[in-house]
Amino acid sequence: MNSGQVSDTYVMNPGLSIRADAIDALVEYESSTTSMKAILREMQTTSADFPNFSFQTQSLSLSVIRFRNTIDYLITKSLGKRKLQDISSRDRNILRLALYEVRWVHADLDKTMSFYSKIKESYKSEFEHAISMDLDDSTKRMPILNRLSLKHSHPTFLVKTLLDRLTHEETNQLLKSNNQKRTYYLRPNRLYDGHDSVLDSINEAQLTIDPDVPEVSRIVEGVDSVVKSQLFKDGRVLIQDKASVVTVNALGPQPGQKIWDACAAPGMKTQLIAERLNGKGEIVASDVYADRVKIGSARSEQLNVTNVEWIHADATNPEILDADKILIDAPCTSTGILQAYPSFKWRLNKDTLFALMTIQNKILDAIFSAYADRPGTEIVFSTCSILPHEGESQIDSAMKRHNIELLSPPDYGVPGYTGFNCTKLVRRLFPHRHSCSGFFIARLRIKH
């Protein structure tokens, strides 16, 4: 069913294509290995309802995914002898979407029911039971791990990992924060003339300079107006997460240096590195995927980055052997950006985690080995992950195998998870503490 083609079987009002598009996206997500964001981007390019599709359908679809295991628990408990997996994918997602609207958005029950004829025909009593169920009472006898998993809609593996490293209260705060809207930050592109006053031209958005990372301004209101502005389209103002800026600050690129951005695409950190070089120095930006190199190169051109060479290269087999500083913003589970990409938490499993850890290990081993005879080379390793497997554990392991040392950590953030040798000299940023993506950052140097 394409956007705009609303089936009377599922939605009584054929004009409400937004809900039909959301159901289509949810159905496709169930049979896909890609993220919900990627599915929505593809649908958006063919939607007859753009720009309404862009906001309302995305909001509904991502919200259902965000709270999916809690929604499924409520539905499952209400189905009686029927199993959730035994009903059709479309029926499942109609129930999910309608339940989200009533329980989370507090939409009017009768009005919501009028949108979905299938529920009235086949699931009326079950749906009403799912709406009225007391979740706290239903889960009160469960272990704390399962209660938190259902209360905040996170996989038990992720909850257990956090409980092992954080207090119950902080775990609760972090999980709750992951289900809230992300904070957006704006900064001027200093590679263009007139950058000092460019933010003054953003009249329809409310901005406030971040007190801890003054290079960025928090968008208090009006992010949509920023995205629609010509300044943003022209690359003269940039939306970049605060944690990403802190990572480049940790690298500290200086004019005249050669910087290797080893996992560079899509190139936002590359652009900021170019700003710091101030036209003096050289950047080599590489990525293992050719299509991402093409995108990154085009993006750099748009952002007026002139001193960068984009190459298609695998960081596990270093080709750049004379860099002064290296940024390894490594592939990871992306558990630090669940506010924007909630579907990542449902794609997470131990096989995926171990596969990514293996890649991270290979990159670190390859670069540390290739630069073993270049003492003084500084390297920043970062991941947008809240898992210790992709942070502290990797650094402790690498330091046992290589002649490297930890440098003083960035000024911003908190020490790493306890229980590791590197804890005090690495930094973590958390959504609930720092109003940004979850990030791990370590500053290292090849020893003499």
Protein backbone atom coordinates (compact mmCIF):
# COMPACT_ATOMS: atom_id res chain seq x y z
CA MET A 1 0.00 0.00 0.00
CA ASN A 2 1.65 3.23 -1.13
CA SER A 3 1.41 6.50 0.74
CA GLY A 4 -1.87 8.16 -0.10
CA GLN A 5 -3.56 4.82 -0.85
CA VAL A 6 -5.41 4.13 2.39
CA SER A 7 -7.20 0.80 2.71
CA ASP A 8 -10.75 0.98 4.11
CA THR A 9 -10.05 -2.36 5.77
CA TYR A 10 -7.64 -0.70 8.17
CA VAL A 11 -8.44 2.98 8.24
CA MET A 12 -12.04 4.11 7.99
CA ASN A 13 -11.24 7.58 6.71
CA PRO A 14 -9.36 7.25 3.39
CA GLY A 15 -8.01 10.79 3.82
CA LEU A 16 -5.87 9.80 6.83
CA SER A 17 -2.94 8.59 4.82
CA ILE A 18 -0.47 9.60 7.51
CA ARG A 19 -1.55 6.67 9.68
CA ALA A 20 -1.57 4.34 6.70
CA ASP A 21 2.00 5.39 5.85
CA ALA A 22 3.05 4.82 9.45
CA ILE A 23 1.56 1.32 9.39
CA ASP A 24 3.33 0.60 6.10
CA ALA A 25 6.64 1.70 7.63
CA LEU A 26 6.11 -0.45 10.72
CA VAL A 27 5.23 -3.49 8.62
CA GLU A 28 8.32 -3.02 6.47
CA TYR A 29 10.50 -2.62 9.55
CA GLU A 30 9.42 -6.05 10.82
CA SER A 31 10.78 -7.78 7.73
CA SER A 32 13.81 -5.55 7.22
CA THR A 33 17.29 -5.40 8.71
CA THR A 34 17.62 -1.66 8.21
CA SER A 35 16.73 1.13 10.62
CA MET A 36 13.33 2.77 10.80
CA LYS A 37 14.99 6.08 9.90
CA ALA A 38 16.30 4.56 6.65
CA ILE A 39 12.87 3.14 5.81
CA LEU A 40 11.23 6.50 6.42
CA ARG A 41 13.81 8.33 4.30
CA GLU A 42 13.06 6.01 1.40
CA MET A 43 9.31 6.41 1.83
CA GLN A 44 9.62 10.17 2.10
CA THR A 45 11.19 10.48 -1.34
CA THR A 46 8.10 8.90 -2.93
CA SER A 47 5.41 10.35 -0.68
CA ALA A 48 2.64 12.39 -2.25
CA ASP A 49 2.01 13.97 1.15
CA PHE A 50 5.39 15.61 1.66
CA PRO A 51 6.02 17.67 3.80
CA ASN A 52 3.29 16.37 6.14
CA PHE A 53 4.76 12.90 5.75
CA SER A 54 8.12 14.16 6.92
CA PHE A 55 6.95 15.11 10.38
CA GLN A 56 3.77 13.29 11.35
CA THR A 57 4.47 9.88 9.87
CA GLN A 58 8.02 9.87 11.16
CA SER A 59 6.87 10.88 14.62
CA LEU A 60 4.26 8.10 14.82
CA SER A 61 6.49 5.39 13.36
CA LEU A 62 9.56 6.19 15.45
CA SER A 63 7.49 6.52 18.63
CA VAL A 64 5.95 3.07 18.18
CA ILE A 65 9.44 1.64 17.70
CA ARG A 66 10.73 3.58 20.70
CA PHE A 67 8.20 1.94 23.04
CA ARG A 68 7.79 -1.29 21.14
CA ASN A 69 8.51 -3.94 23.76
CA THR A 70 6.24 -2.19 26.30
CA ILE A 71 3.48 -1.91 23.70
CA ASP A 72 3.92 -5.57 22.77
CA TYR A 73 3.80 -6.62 26.42
CA LEU A 74 0.48 -4.82 26.93
CA ILE A 75 -1.00 -6.32 23.76
CA THR A 76 0.28 -9.81 24.52
CA LYS A 77 -1.20 -9.75 28.02
CA SER A 78 -4.53 -8.70 26.51
CA LEU A 79 -4.77 -11.25 23.70
CA GLY A 80 -5.54 -14.19 25.96
CA LYS A 81 -4.87 -17.47 24.17
CA ARG A 82 -3.94 -15.75 20.94
CA LYS A 83 -0.25 -14.99 20.44
CA LEU A 84 0.96 -11.70 19.03
CA GLN A 85 3.09 -13.44 16.42
CA ASP A 86 0.11 -15.47 15.22
CA ILE A 87 -1.77 -12.44 13.93
CA SER A 88 -0.76 -10.72 10.72
CA SER A 89 2.03 -8.16 10.65
CA ARG A 90 -0.39 -5.46 9.55
CA ASP A 91 -2.83 -6.23 12.37
CA ARG A 92 0.01 -6.21 14.89
CA ASN A 93 1.14 -2.80 13.79
CA ILE A 94 -2.35 -1.37 13.67
CA LEU A 95 -2.73 -2.42 17.31
CA ARG A 96 0.68 -0.99 18.18
CA LEU A 97 0.03 2.35 16.55
CA ALA A 98 -3.45 2.76 18.02
CA LEU A 99 -2.27 1.75 21.50
CA TYR A 100 0.59 4.24 21.33
CA GLU A 101 -1.82 7.03 20.38
CA VAL A 102 -4.20 6.32 23.27
CA ARG A 103 -1.76 5.39 26.08
CA TRP A 104 1.21 7.60 25.28
CA VAL A 105 -0.30 10.57 23.45
CA HIS A 106 -3.59 10.38 25.40
CA ALA A 107 -5.65 10.61 22.23
CA ASP A 108 -9.44 10.29 22.56
CA LEU A 109 -10.37 6.60 22.55
CA ASP A 110 -13.53 6.89 20.46
CA LYS A 111 -11.85 9.11 17.89
CA THR A 112 -8.85 6.80 17.68
CA MET A 113 -11.05 3.73 17.31
CA SER A 114 -12.86 5.44 14.43
CA PHE A 115 -9.59 5.52 12.49
CA TYR A 116 -9.04 1.77 12.62
CA SER A 117 -11.95 -0.40 11.51
CA LYS A 118 -9.88 -3.56 11.96
CA ILE A 119 -9.64 -3.03 15.72
CA LYS A 120 -13.40 -2.52 16.05
CA GLU A 121 -14.05 -5.65 13.99
CA SER A 122 -11.58 -8.08 15.54
CA TYR A 123 -9.80 -6.71 18.62
CA LYS A 124 -12.13 -4.31 20.43
CA SER A 125 -12.15 -5.98 23.87
CA GLU A 126 -8.44 -6.85 23.73
CA PHE A 127 -7.56 -3.29 22.76
CA GLU A 128 -9.61 -1.81 25.58
CA HIS A 129 -7.93 -4.21 28.03
CA ALA A 130 -4.47 -3.14 26.82
CA ILE A 131 -5.43 0.50 27.33
CA SER A 132 -6.65 0.02 30.89
CA MET A 133 -3.92 -2.33 32.14
CA ASP A 134 -1.85 -1.07 35.09
CA LEU A 135 1.73 -1.64 33.95
CA ASP A 136 3.27 -1.00 37.37
CA ASP A 137 0.95 -3.51 39.03
CA SER A 138 1.49 -6.06 36.29
CA THR A 139 5.29 -5.93 36.60
CA LYS A 140 5.74 -5.35 40.35
CA ARG A 141 6.74 -8.97 41.05
CA MET A 142 9.27 -9.06 38.24
CA PRO A 143 13.03 -8.73 38.86
CA ILE A 144 14.25 -5.15 38.64
CA LEU A 145 15.94 -5.91 35.30
CA ASN A 146 12.66 -6.91 33.67
CA ARG A 147 10.72 -4.09 35.31
CA LEU A 148 13.10 -1.44 33.99
CA SER A 149 13.15 -3.09 30.57
CA LEU A 150 9.38 -2.85 30.29
CA LYS A 151 8.97 0.50 32.01
CA HIS A 152 11.47 2.20 29.71
CA SER A 153 11.21 -0.11 26.69
CA HIS A 154 14.84 -1.23 26.37
CA PRO A 155 16.22 -4.73 25.71
CA THR A 156 17.21 -6.58 28.87
CA PHE A 157 20.81 -7.01 27.66
CA LEU A 158 21.27 -3.24 27.53
CA VAL A 159 19.54 -2.68 30.88
CA LYS A 160 21.66 -5.36 32.58
CA THR A 161 24.86 -3.85 31.21
CA LEU A 162 23.93 -0.45 32.62
CA LEU A 163 22.86 -1.85 35.99
CA ASP A 164 26.23 -3.58 36.25
CA ARG A 165 28.00 -0.22 35.85
CA LEU A 166 25.63 2.44 37.17
CA THR A 167 23.38 2.83 40.17
CA HIS A 168 19.73 1.88 39.83
CA GLU A 169 18.73 5.55 39.92
CA GLU A 170 21.17 6.63 37.24
CA THR A 171 20.25 3.68 35.03
CA ASN A 172 16.62 4.73 35.41
CA GLN A 173 17.47 8.32 34.43
CA LEU A 174 19.50 7.25 31.40
CA LEU A 175 16.82 4.89 30.10
CA LYS A 176 14.18 7.57 30.59
CA SER A 177 16.35 10.12 28.76
CA ASN A 178 16.81 7.76 25.81
CA ASN A 179 13.04 7.92 25.23
CA GLN A 180 12.95 11.70 25.10
CA LYS A 181 13.53 13.99 22.15
CA ARG A 182 17.15 14.70 21.34
CA THR A 183 18.67 18.12 21.91
CA TYR A 184 19.82 19.87 18.74
CA TYR A 185 22.86 22.13 18.55
CA LEU A 186 23.78 24.69 15.92
CA ARG A 187 27.10 26.21 15.00
CA PRO A 188 28.29 28.53 12.22
CA ASN A 189 30.46 27.17 9.43
CA ARG A 190 33.64 29.18 9.94
CA LEU A 191 34.98 28.15 6.55
CA TYR A 192 32.64 30.75 5.03
CA ASP A 193 33.02 34.52 5.30
CA GLY A 194 30.60 36.28 7.60
CA HIS A 195 30.37 33.40 10.03
CA ASP A 196 30.61 35.67 13.09
CA SER A 197 27.14 37.09 12.54
CA VAL A 198 25.42 34.26 10.70
CA LEU A 199 23.52 32.96 13.75
CA ASP A 200 21.94 36.39 14.12
CA SER A 201 20.14 35.69 10.85
CA ILE A 202 18.30 32.71 12.33
CA ASN A 203 15.23 34.67 13.37
CA GLU A 204 12.63 31.92 13.66
CA ALA A 205 14.56 29.77 16.13
CA GLN A 206 15.40 30.38 19.77
CA LEU A 207 19.09 29.74 20.48
CA THR A 208 21.20 29.75 23.61
CA ILE A 209 24.97 29.35 23.76
CA ASP A 210 25.99 26.17 25.55
CA PRO A 211 27.80 27.12 28.78
CA ASP A 212 30.17 24.15 28.64
CA VAL A 213 30.87 23.91 24.92
CA PRO A 214 30.50 27.50 23.67
CA GLU A 215 31.27 26.54 20.07
CA VAL A 216 27.65 25.41 19.78
CA SER A 217 24.27 26.95 20.54
CA ARG A 218 21.37 24.88 21.76
CA ILE A 219 18.23 25.12 19.62
CA VAL A 220 15.62 25.70 22.30
CA GLU A 221 12.81 26.08 19.78
CA GLY A 222 12.49 26.08 16.01
CA VAL A 223 14.73 23.26 14.76
CA ASP A 224 12.37 22.77 11.80
CA SER A 225 12.81 26.39 10.76
CA VAL A 226 16.59 25.95 10.90
CA VAL A 227 16.48 22.87 8.68
CA LYS A 228 14.24 24.69 6.18
CA SER A 229 16.44 27.81 6.11
CA GLN A 230 18.63 28.65 3.15
CA LEU A 231 21.60 29.10 5.48
CA PHE A 232 21.33 25.45 6.51
CA LYS A 233 20.78 24.23 2.95
CA ASP A 234 23.85 26.18 1.83
CA GLY A 235 25.97 24.70 4.64
CA ARG A 236 26.60 28.03 6.31
CA VAL A 237 25.09 26.85 9.59
CA LEU A 238 25.47 23.27 10.77
CA ILE A 239 23.54 21.06 13.13
CA GLN A 240 26.09 18.98 15.03
CA ASP A 241 25.78 17.17 18.33
CA LYS A 242 27.73 18.62 21.22
CA ALA A 243 29.47 15.29 21.85
CA SER A 244 30.82 15.33 18.30
CA VAL A 245 32.37 18.76 18.89
CA VAL A 246 33.91 17.60 22.18
CA THR A 247 35.50 14.69 20.30
CA VAL A 248 37.25 17.05 17.87
CA ASN A 249 38.26 19.25 20.79
CA ALA A 250 39.90 16.18 22.34
CA LEU A 251 41.89 15.65 19.14
CA GLY A 252 43.02 19.28 19.20
CA PRO A 253 44.07 19.68 15.55
CA GLN A 254 46.49 22.58 15.05
CA PRO A 255 47.36 24.60 11.92
CA GLY A 256 50.12 22.95 9.91
CA GLN A 257 49.40 19.40 11.08
CA LYS A 258 48.43 16.41 8.97
CA ILE A 259 45.24 14.83 10.32
CA TRP A 260 43.91 11.42 9.37
CA ASP A 261 40.17 11.05 9.97
CA ALA A 262 40.12 7.26 9.75
CA CYS A 263 36.35 6.55 9.76
CA ALA A 264 35.26 9.89 8.43
CA ALA A 265 31.92 9.68 6.61
CA PRO A 266 29.64 11.58 6.50
CA GLY A 267 32.26 14.22 7.31
CA MET A 268 30.92 16.54 10.01
CA LYS A 269 33.95 16.05 12.24
CA THR A 270 36.13 16.40 9.13
CA GLN A 271 34.67 19.85 8.52
CA LEU A 272 35.31 20.93 12.11
CA ILE A 273 38.89 19.66 11.87
CA ALA A 274 39.29 21.82 8.76
CA GLU A 275 38.07 24.83 10.72
CA ARG A 276 40.69 24.22 13.39
CA LEU A 277 43.48 23.93 10.81
CA ASN A 278 42.51 27.38 9.53
CA GLY A 279 43.68 26.64 5.99
CA LYS A 280 47.13 25.48 7.12
CA GLY A 281 47.64 21.74 7.15
CA GLU A 282 46.18 18.67 5.54
CA ILE A 283 43.31 16.26 6.20
CA VAL A 284 42.96 12.78 4.80
CA ALA A 285 39.44 11.48 5.30
CA SER A 286 38.90 7.78 4.68
CA ASP A 287 36.04 5.33 4.90
CA VAL A 288 35.69 1.64 4.14
CA TYR A 289 32.51 2.13 2.10
CA ALA A 290 32.88 3.70 -1.35
CA ASP A 291 29.37 5.18 -1.37
CA ARG A 292 30.01 6.91 1.96
CA VAL A 293 33.28 8.32 0.61
CA LYS A 294 31.35 9.79 -2.31
CA ILE A 295 28.76 11.31 0.05
CA GLY A 296 31.45 12.64 2.38
CA SER A 297 33.42 14.18 -0.46
CA ALA A 298 30.33 15.93 -1.82
CA ARG A 299 29.42 17.12 1.66
CA SER A 300 32.92 18.53 2.21
CA GLU A 301 32.70 20.44 -1.06
CA GLN A 302 29.36 21.91 -0.04
CA LEU A 303 30.78 22.93 3.35
CA ASN A 304 33.77 24.69 1.70
CA VAL A 305 36.39 22.26 3.01
CA THR A 306 39.35 22.78 0.68
CA ASN A 307 42.27 21.03 2.39
CA VAL A 308 40.87 17.49 2.51
CA GLU A 309 41.51 14.39 0.44
CA TRP A 310 38.81 11.73 0.58
CA ILE A 311 39.97 8.16 -0.06
CA HIS A 312 38.27 4.78 -0.11
CA ALA A 313 40.34 2.83 2.40
CA ASP A 314 40.01 0.30 5.21
CA ALA A 315 41.35 1.55 8.54
CA THR A 316 42.32 -2.03 9.45
CA ASN A 317 44.95 -1.76 6.71
CA PRO A 318 46.39 1.74 7.17
CA GLU A 319 47.48 3.59 4.04
CA ILE A 320 48.21 6.90 5.77
CA LEU A 321 51.46 6.44 7.65
CA ASP A 322 52.62 9.99 8.33
CA ALA A 323 49.76 11.68 10.17
CA ASP A 324 50.48 13.88 13.18
CA LYS A 325 47.10 13.10 14.74
CA ILE A 326 44.49 10.46 14.02
CA LEU A 327 40.79 10.38 14.79
CA ILE A 328 39.21 6.92 15.07
CA ASP A 329 35.48 7.53 15.38
CA ALA A 330 34.89 3.81 15.15
CA PRO A 331 31.88 1.85 13.90
CA CYS A 332 29.78 0.85 16.92
CA THR A 333 26.32 -0.17 18.12
CA SER A 334 25.21 3.49 18.19
CA THR A 335 23.57 2.96 21.58
CA GLY A 336 24.47 6.56 22.39
CA ILE A 337 22.01 7.95 19.82
CA LEU A 338 18.84 6.04 20.73
CA GLN A 339 16.96 9.31 21.14
CA ALA A 340 17.21 9.85 17.38
CA TYR A 341 17.44 6.20 16.28
CA PRO A 342 15.30 4.10 18.65
CA SER A 343 15.27 1.11 16.31
CA PHE A 344 18.99 0.53 16.99
CA LYS A 345 18.17 -0.89 20.42
CA TRP A 346 16.02 -3.64 18.89
CA ARG A 347 18.72 -4.54 16.34
CA LEU A 348 21.24 -5.01 19.15
CA ASN A 349 22.32 -8.51 20.10
CA LYS A 350 25.52 -10.13 21.30
CA ASP A 351 26.51 -11.30 17.82
CA THR A 352 26.23 -7.76 16.46
CA LEU A 353 28.12 -6.32 19.43
CA PHE A 354 30.95 -8.85 19.19
CA ALA A 355 31.25 -8.31 15.44
CA LEU A 356 31.61 -4.56 15.96
CA MET A 357 34.06 -5.06 18.81
CA THR A 358 36.17 -7.20 16.49
CA ILE A 359 36.25 -4.41 13.91
CA GLN A 360 37.20 -1.87 16.59
CA ASN A 361 39.98 -4.17 17.80
CA LYS A 362 41.34 -4.61 14.30
CA ILE A 363 41.35 -0.87 13.64
CA LEU A 364 43.14 -0.10 16.91
CA ASP A 365 45.68 -2.89 16.42
CA ALA A 366 46.39 -1.90 12.83
CA ILE A 367 46.88 1.81 13.53
CA PHE A 368 48.88 1.36 16.72
CA SER A 369 51.12 -1.14 14.94
CA ALA A 370 51.54 1.03 11.83
CA TYR A 371 52.56 4.01 13.97
CA ALA A 372 54.70 2.11 16.48
CA ASP A 373 57.84 3.72 15.01
CA ARG A 374 56.31 7.21 15.08
CA PRO A 375 56.35 8.09 18.78
CA GLY A 376 54.43 11.17 19.75
CA THR A 377 51.57 10.52 17.31
CA GLU A 378 48.31 11.36 19.07
CA ILE A 379 45.17 9.31 18.53
CA VAL A 380 41.61 9.86 19.69
CA PHE A 381 39.37 6.81 19.88
CA SER A 382 35.65 7.50 20.17
CA THR A 383 32.36 5.66 19.86
CA CYS A 384 28.76 6.86 20.11
CA SER A 385 28.06 4.01 22.50
CA ILE A 386 27.02 3.71 26.14
CA LEU A 387 28.41 0.17 26.36
CA PRO A 388 31.73 -0.43 28.17
CA HIS A 389 32.49 -3.14 25.60
CA GLU A 390 33.06 -0.38 23.03
CA GLY A 391 34.98 1.96 25.29
CA GLU A 392 36.85 1.18 28.48
CA SER A 393 37.23 -2.50 27.65
CA GLN A 394 38.76 -1.74 24.27
CA ILE A 395 41.27 0.74 25.69
CA ASP A 396 42.36 -1.54 28.55
CA SER A 397 42.85 -4.37 26.08
CA ALA A 398 44.79 -2.25 23.56
CA MET A 399 47.13 -0.90 26.24
CA LYS A 400 48.18 -4.43 27.11
CA ARG A 401 49.18 -5.11 23.52
CA HIS A 402 50.74 -1.83 22.40
CA ASN A 403 53.30 0.75 23.50
CA ILE A 404 50.78 3.54 24.05
CA GLU A 405 49.81 5.88 26.85
CA LEU A 406 46.69 7.76 27.85
CA LEU A 407 46.79 11.54 27.75
CA SER A 408 44.82 13.89 29.97
CA PRO A 409 41.12 13.58 29.14
CA PRO A 410 38.85 16.27 27.70
CA ASP A 411 37.67 18.88 30.18
CA TYR A 412 34.04 18.05 29.52
CA GLY A 413 32.31 14.81 30.51
CA VAL A 414 32.64 12.35 33.37
CA PRO A 415 35.18 9.57 34.02
CA GLY A 416 34.57 6.21 32.41
CA TYR A 417 32.76 3.31 33.99
CA THR A 418 34.42 2.06 37.17
CA GLY A 419 36.38 -1.17 37.27
CA PHE A 420 38.76 -0.47 34.39
CA ASN A 421 42.40 0.62 34.40
CA CYS A 422 41.62 3.53 32.09
CA THR A 423 38.56 4.79 34.01
CA LYS A 424 40.01 8.07 35.29
CA LEU A 425 41.68 9.08 32.02
CA VAL A 426 38.80 8.56 29.61
CA ARG A 427 35.55 10.45 29.31
CA ARG A 428 31.90 9.61 28.87
CA LEU A 429 29.03 11.85 27.89
CA PHE A 430 25.44 10.82 28.61
CA PRO A 431 22.09 12.13 27.35
CA HIS A 432 20.68 12.48 30.87
CA ARG A 433 23.74 14.32 32.21
CA HIS A 434 24.98 16.35 29.28
CA SER A 435 21.95 16.77 26.98
CA CYS A 436 23.77 15.21 24.04
CA SER A 437 24.48 11.84 22.47
CA GLY A 438 26.09 9.16 24.59
CA PHE A 439 29.81 9.12 23.74
CA PHE A 440 33.07 7.53 24.81
CA ILE A 441 36.32 9.46 24.21
CA ALA A 442 39.93 8.42 24.89
CA ARG A 443 43.10 10.43 24.08
CA LEU A 444 46.16 8.28 23.41
CA ARG A 445 49.75 8.70 22.25
CA ILE A 446 52.38 6.41 20.84
CA LYS A 447 55.08 6.17 23.50
CA HIS A 448 58.75 6.84 22.92
